[in-house]
Amino acid sequence: MALQIESGQTILFIGDSITDCGRRATERPLGNGYVKLFADLVAIREPEKQITIINKGIGGDRVTGMQNRWTDDVMRHHPDWLSI
């Protein structure tokens, strides 16, 4: 089954430590968790698609933290798809 995400689109992941998974340290920019696994799966299954994947997870974050950074971390990227 093909992904519904089309070439040229952006998917942004935002959340807490499960999303972060080191994306702000040694495992930049996607981390070493499910966001990286998703990116690898897309690259293997549909290598012709040019999809931008952005990880904005922050370990220990809460909904109020995401609310405070929503404009900078989500809206300015104009994602076609969003995973919270």
N, C-alpha and C. Protein backbone atom coordinates (compact mmCIF):
# COMPACT_ATOMS: atom_id res chain seq x y z
N MET A 1 0.84 -1.19 0.00
CA MET A 1 0.00 0.00 0.00
C MET A 1 0.89 1.25 0.00
N ALA A 2 0.66 2.13 -0.92
CA ALA A 2 1.44 3.36 -1.04
C ALA A 2 1.04 4.37 0.03
N LEU A 3 1.99 5.18 0.41
CA LEU A 3 1.70 6.26 1.34
C LEU A 3 0.82 7.31 0.69
N GLN A 4 -0.02 7.93 1.48
CA GLN A 4 -0.84 9.02 0.96
C GLN A 4 -0.05 10.33 0.90
N ILE A 5 1.10 10.36 1.55
CA ILE A 5 1.95 11.54 1.50
C ILE A 5 2.56 11.61 0.11
N GLU A 6 2.45 12.77 -0.51
CA GLU A 6 2.93 12.94 -1.88
C GLU A 6 4.31 13.60 -1.89
N SER A 7 5.02 13.37 -2.97
CA SER A 7 6.32 13.99 -3.14
C SER A 7 6.18 15.51 -3.03
N GLY A 8 7.13 16.12 -2.35
CA GLY A 8 7.10 17.56 -2.16
C GLY A 8 6.38 18.01 -0.90
N GLN A 9 5.75 17.07 -0.20
CA GLN A 9 5.02 17.43 1.02
C GLN A 9 5.93 17.33 2.25
N THR A 10 5.46 17.94 3.33
CA THR A 10 6.19 17.95 4.59
C THR A 10 5.33 17.30 5.67
N ILE A 11 5.96 16.43 6.46
CA ILE A 11 5.30 15.88 7.64
C ILE A 11 6.11 16.31 8.85
N LEU A 12 5.44 16.84 9.84
CA LEU A 12 6.08 17.33 11.04
C LEU A 12 5.60 16.51 12.23
N PHE A 13 6.54 16.06 13.05
CA PHE A 13 6.24 15.32 14.26
C PHE A 13 6.55 16.23 15.45
N ILE A 14 5.62 16.32 16.40
CA ILE A 14 5.82 17.13 17.60
C ILE A 14 5.32 16.33 18.80
N GLY A 15 6.03 16.45 19.90
CA GLY A 15 5.64 15.71 21.09
C GLY A 15 6.69 15.80 22.18
N ASP A 16 6.75 14.76 23.01
CA ASP A 16 7.66 14.75 24.14
C ASP A 16 8.88 13.86 23.85
N SER A 17 9.42 13.22 24.89
CA SER A 17 10.65 12.44 24.74
C SER A 17 10.52 11.28 23.77
N ILE A 18 9.33 10.71 23.63
CA ILE A 18 9.13 9.60 22.70
C ILE A 18 9.34 10.08 21.26
N THR A 19 9.02 11.33 21.01
CA THR A 19 9.24 11.92 19.69
C THR A 19 10.68 12.43 19.58
N ASP A 20 11.17 13.08 20.60
CA ASP A 20 12.52 13.68 20.61
C ASP A 20 13.59 12.63 20.32
N CYS A 21 13.75 11.66 21.16
CA CYS A 21 14.71 10.54 21.01
C CYS A 21 16.09 10.99 20.54
N GLY A 22 16.61 12.06 21.14
CA GLY A 22 17.96 12.51 20.84
C GLY A 22 18.09 13.42 19.64
N ARG A 23 16.99 13.92 19.11
CA ARG A 23 17.06 14.73 17.90
C ARG A 23 17.77 16.07 18.09
N ARG A 24 17.95 16.49 19.35
CA ARG A 24 18.65 17.75 19.62
C ARG A 24 20.08 17.51 20.09
N ALA A 25 20.52 16.26 20.08
CA ALA A 25 21.87 15.92 20.54
C ALA A 25 22.60 15.16 19.44
N THR A 26 23.13 14.03 19.79
CA THR A 26 23.96 13.27 18.85
C THR A 26 23.19 12.64 17.71
N GLU A 27 21.90 12.50 17.84
CA GLU A 27 21.09 11.84 16.80
C GLU A 27 20.32 12.84 15.94
N ARG A 28 20.85 14.05 15.73
CA ARG A 28 20.15 15.06 14.96
C ARG A 28 19.96 14.65 13.52
N PRO A 29 19.02 15.13 12.84
CA PRO A 29 17.91 15.98 13.28
C PRO A 29 16.64 15.19 13.59
N LEU A 30 16.64 13.88 13.32
CA LEU A 30 15.40 13.11 13.49
C LEU A 30 15.34 12.30 14.77
N GLY A 31 16.45 12.17 15.48
CA GLY A 31 16.49 11.32 16.65
C GLY A 31 16.71 9.87 16.25
N ASN A 32 16.60 8.97 17.22
CA ASN A 32 16.79 7.55 16.92
C ASN A 32 15.57 6.72 17.28
N GLY A 33 14.41 7.34 17.25
CA GLY A 33 13.16 6.67 17.59
C GLY A 33 12.24 6.49 16.40
N TYR A 34 10.94 6.58 16.68
CA TYR A 34 9.95 6.28 15.65
C TYR A 34 9.98 7.25 14.47
N VAL A 35 10.40 8.50 14.67
CA VAL A 35 10.47 9.45 13.56
C VAL A 35 11.55 8.99 12.57
N LYS A 36 12.70 8.57 13.08
CA LYS A 36 13.77 8.06 12.22
C LYS A 36 13.34 6.77 11.53
N LEU A 37 12.66 5.90 12.26
CA LEU A 37 12.17 4.66 11.65
C LEU A 37 11.19 4.96 10.52
N PHE A 38 10.32 5.94 10.73
CA PHE A 38 9.38 6.34 9.69
C PHE A 38 10.13 6.85 8.46
N ALA A 39 11.11 7.72 8.68
CA ALA A 39 11.88 8.28 7.57
C ALA A 39 12.60 7.18 6.80
N ASP A 40 13.17 6.22 7.52
CA ASP A 40 13.86 5.11 6.87
C ASP A 40 12.89 4.25 6.07
N LEU A 41 11.72 4.00 6.62
CA LEU A 41 10.71 3.20 5.93
C LEU A 41 10.27 3.88 4.62
N VAL A 42 10.04 5.19 4.69
CA VAL A 42 9.65 5.93 3.49
C VAL A 42 10.76 5.84 2.44
N ALA A 43 12.00 6.01 2.87
CA ALA A 43 13.13 5.97 1.93
C ALA A 43 13.26 4.61 1.27
N ILE A 44 12.96 3.55 1.99
CA ILE A 44 13.07 2.20 1.45
C ILE A 44 11.87 1.85 0.56
N ARG A 45 10.67 2.17 1.03
CA ARG A 45 9.46 1.78 0.30
C ARG A 45 9.16 2.64 -0.91
N GLU A 46 9.45 3.93 -0.79
CA GLU A 46 9.10 4.86 -1.87
C GLU A 46 10.23 5.87 -2.08
N PRO A 47 11.39 5.37 -2.54
CA PRO A 47 12.57 6.25 -2.65
C PRO A 47 12.40 7.40 -3.64
N GLU A 48 11.45 7.29 -4.55
CA GLU A 48 11.24 8.36 -5.52
C GLU A 48 10.56 9.58 -4.92
N LYS A 49 9.92 9.41 -3.78
CA LYS A 49 9.22 10.53 -3.15
C LYS A 49 10.21 11.41 -2.39
N GLN A 50 10.09 12.68 -2.63
CA GLN A 50 10.90 13.68 -1.93
C GLN A 50 10.03 14.28 -0.82
N ILE A 51 10.12 13.71 0.36
CA ILE A 51 9.30 14.12 1.50
C ILE A 51 10.20 14.77 2.55
N THR A 52 9.80 15.91 3.05
CA THR A 52 10.52 16.57 4.13
C THR A 52 9.93 16.08 5.45
N ILE A 53 10.80 15.59 6.32
CA ILE A 53 10.38 15.10 7.63
C ILE A 53 11.06 15.95 8.68
N ILE A 54 10.25 16.52 9.57
CA ILE A 54 10.76 17.41 10.61
C ILE A 54 10.36 16.85 11.97
N ASN A 55 11.33 16.79 12.88
CA ASN A 55 11.07 16.34 14.24
C ASN A 55 11.20 17.53 15.18
N LYS A 56 10.14 17.85 15.89
CA LYS A 56 10.14 18.95 16.85
C LYS A 56 9.80 18.45 18.26
N GLY A 57 10.10 17.19 18.55
CA GLY A 57 9.87 16.65 19.88
C GLY A 57 10.83 17.24 20.89
N ILE A 58 10.37 17.41 22.11
CA ILE A 58 11.20 17.88 23.22
C ILE A 58 10.88 17.02 24.43
N GLY A 59 11.90 16.30 24.91
CA GLY A 59 11.73 15.46 26.08
C GLY A 59 11.20 16.25 27.28
N GLY A 60 10.20 15.70 27.97
CA GLY A 60 9.61 16.35 29.13
C GLY A 60 8.57 17.40 28.80
N ASP A 61 8.31 17.62 27.54
CA ASP A 61 7.34 18.64 27.14
C ASP A 61 5.92 18.22 27.50
N ARG A 62 5.07 19.20 27.66
CA ARG A 62 3.66 19.00 27.94
C ARG A 62 2.84 19.77 26.91
N VAL A 63 1.55 19.59 26.94
CA VAL A 63 0.67 20.28 26.00
C VAL A 63 0.85 21.80 26.11
N THR A 64 1.01 22.31 27.32
CA THR A 64 1.19 23.76 27.48
C THR A 64 2.51 24.22 26.84
N GLY A 65 3.54 23.40 26.90
CA GLY A 65 4.80 23.73 26.24
C GLY A 65 4.65 23.77 24.74
N MET A 66 3.93 22.77 24.21
CA MET A 66 3.70 22.75 22.77
C MET A 66 2.87 23.95 22.34
N GLN A 67 1.91 24.34 23.16
CA GLN A 67 1.09 25.50 22.85
C GLN A 67 1.97 26.75 22.75
N ASN A 68 2.92 26.88 23.66
CA ASN A 68 3.78 28.07 23.67
C ASN A 68 4.73 28.12 22.48
N ARG A 69 5.08 26.98 21.91
CA ARG A 69 6.01 26.96 20.78
C ARG A 69 5.35 26.60 19.46
N TRP A 70 4.04 26.57 19.43
CA TRP A 70 3.29 26.14 18.25
C TRP A 70 3.62 26.97 17.00
N THR A 71 3.66 28.28 17.13
CA THR A 71 3.92 29.14 15.98
C THR A 71 5.31 28.87 15.40
N ASP A 72 6.32 28.84 16.26
CA ASP A 72 7.70 28.64 15.79
C ASP A 72 7.97 27.22 15.32
N ASP A 73 7.48 26.24 16.05
CA ASP A 73 7.83 24.85 15.77
C ASP A 73 6.90 24.15 14.78
N VAL A 74 5.70 24.68 14.58
CA VAL A 74 4.77 24.02 13.66
C VAL A 74 4.36 24.96 12.53
N MET A 75 3.70 26.04 12.84
CA MET A 75 3.08 26.89 11.83
C MET A 75 4.08 27.46 10.82
N ARG A 76 5.26 27.82 11.25
CA ARG A 76 6.23 28.43 10.32
C ARG A 76 6.73 27.44 9.28
N HIS A 77 6.55 26.14 9.52
CA HIS A 77 6.98 25.12 8.56
C HIS A 77 5.88 24.76 7.56
N HIS A 78 4.65 25.18 7.81
CA HIS A 78 3.52 24.90 6.93
C HIS A 78 3.44 23.41 6.55
N PRO A 79 3.39 22.53 7.56
CA PRO A 79 3.36 21.10 7.23
C PRO A 79 2.06 20.69 6.53
N ASP A 80 2.19 19.74 5.63
CA ASP A 80 1.02 19.15 4.98
C ASP A 80 0.41 18.09 5.89
N TRP A 81 1.24 17.48 6.71
CA TRP A 81 0.83 16.42 7.64
C TRP A 81 1.44 16.73 9.00
N LEU A 82 0.70 16.38 10.06
CA LEU A 82 1.16 16.66 11.42
C LEU A 82 0.89 15.45 12.29
N SER A 83 1.90 15.05 13.04
CA SER A 83 1.75 13.96 14.01
C SER A 83 2.03 14.53 15.40
N ILE A 84 1.05 14.40 16.29
CA ILE A 84 1.20 14.90 17.66
C ILE A 84 1.23 13.73 18.60
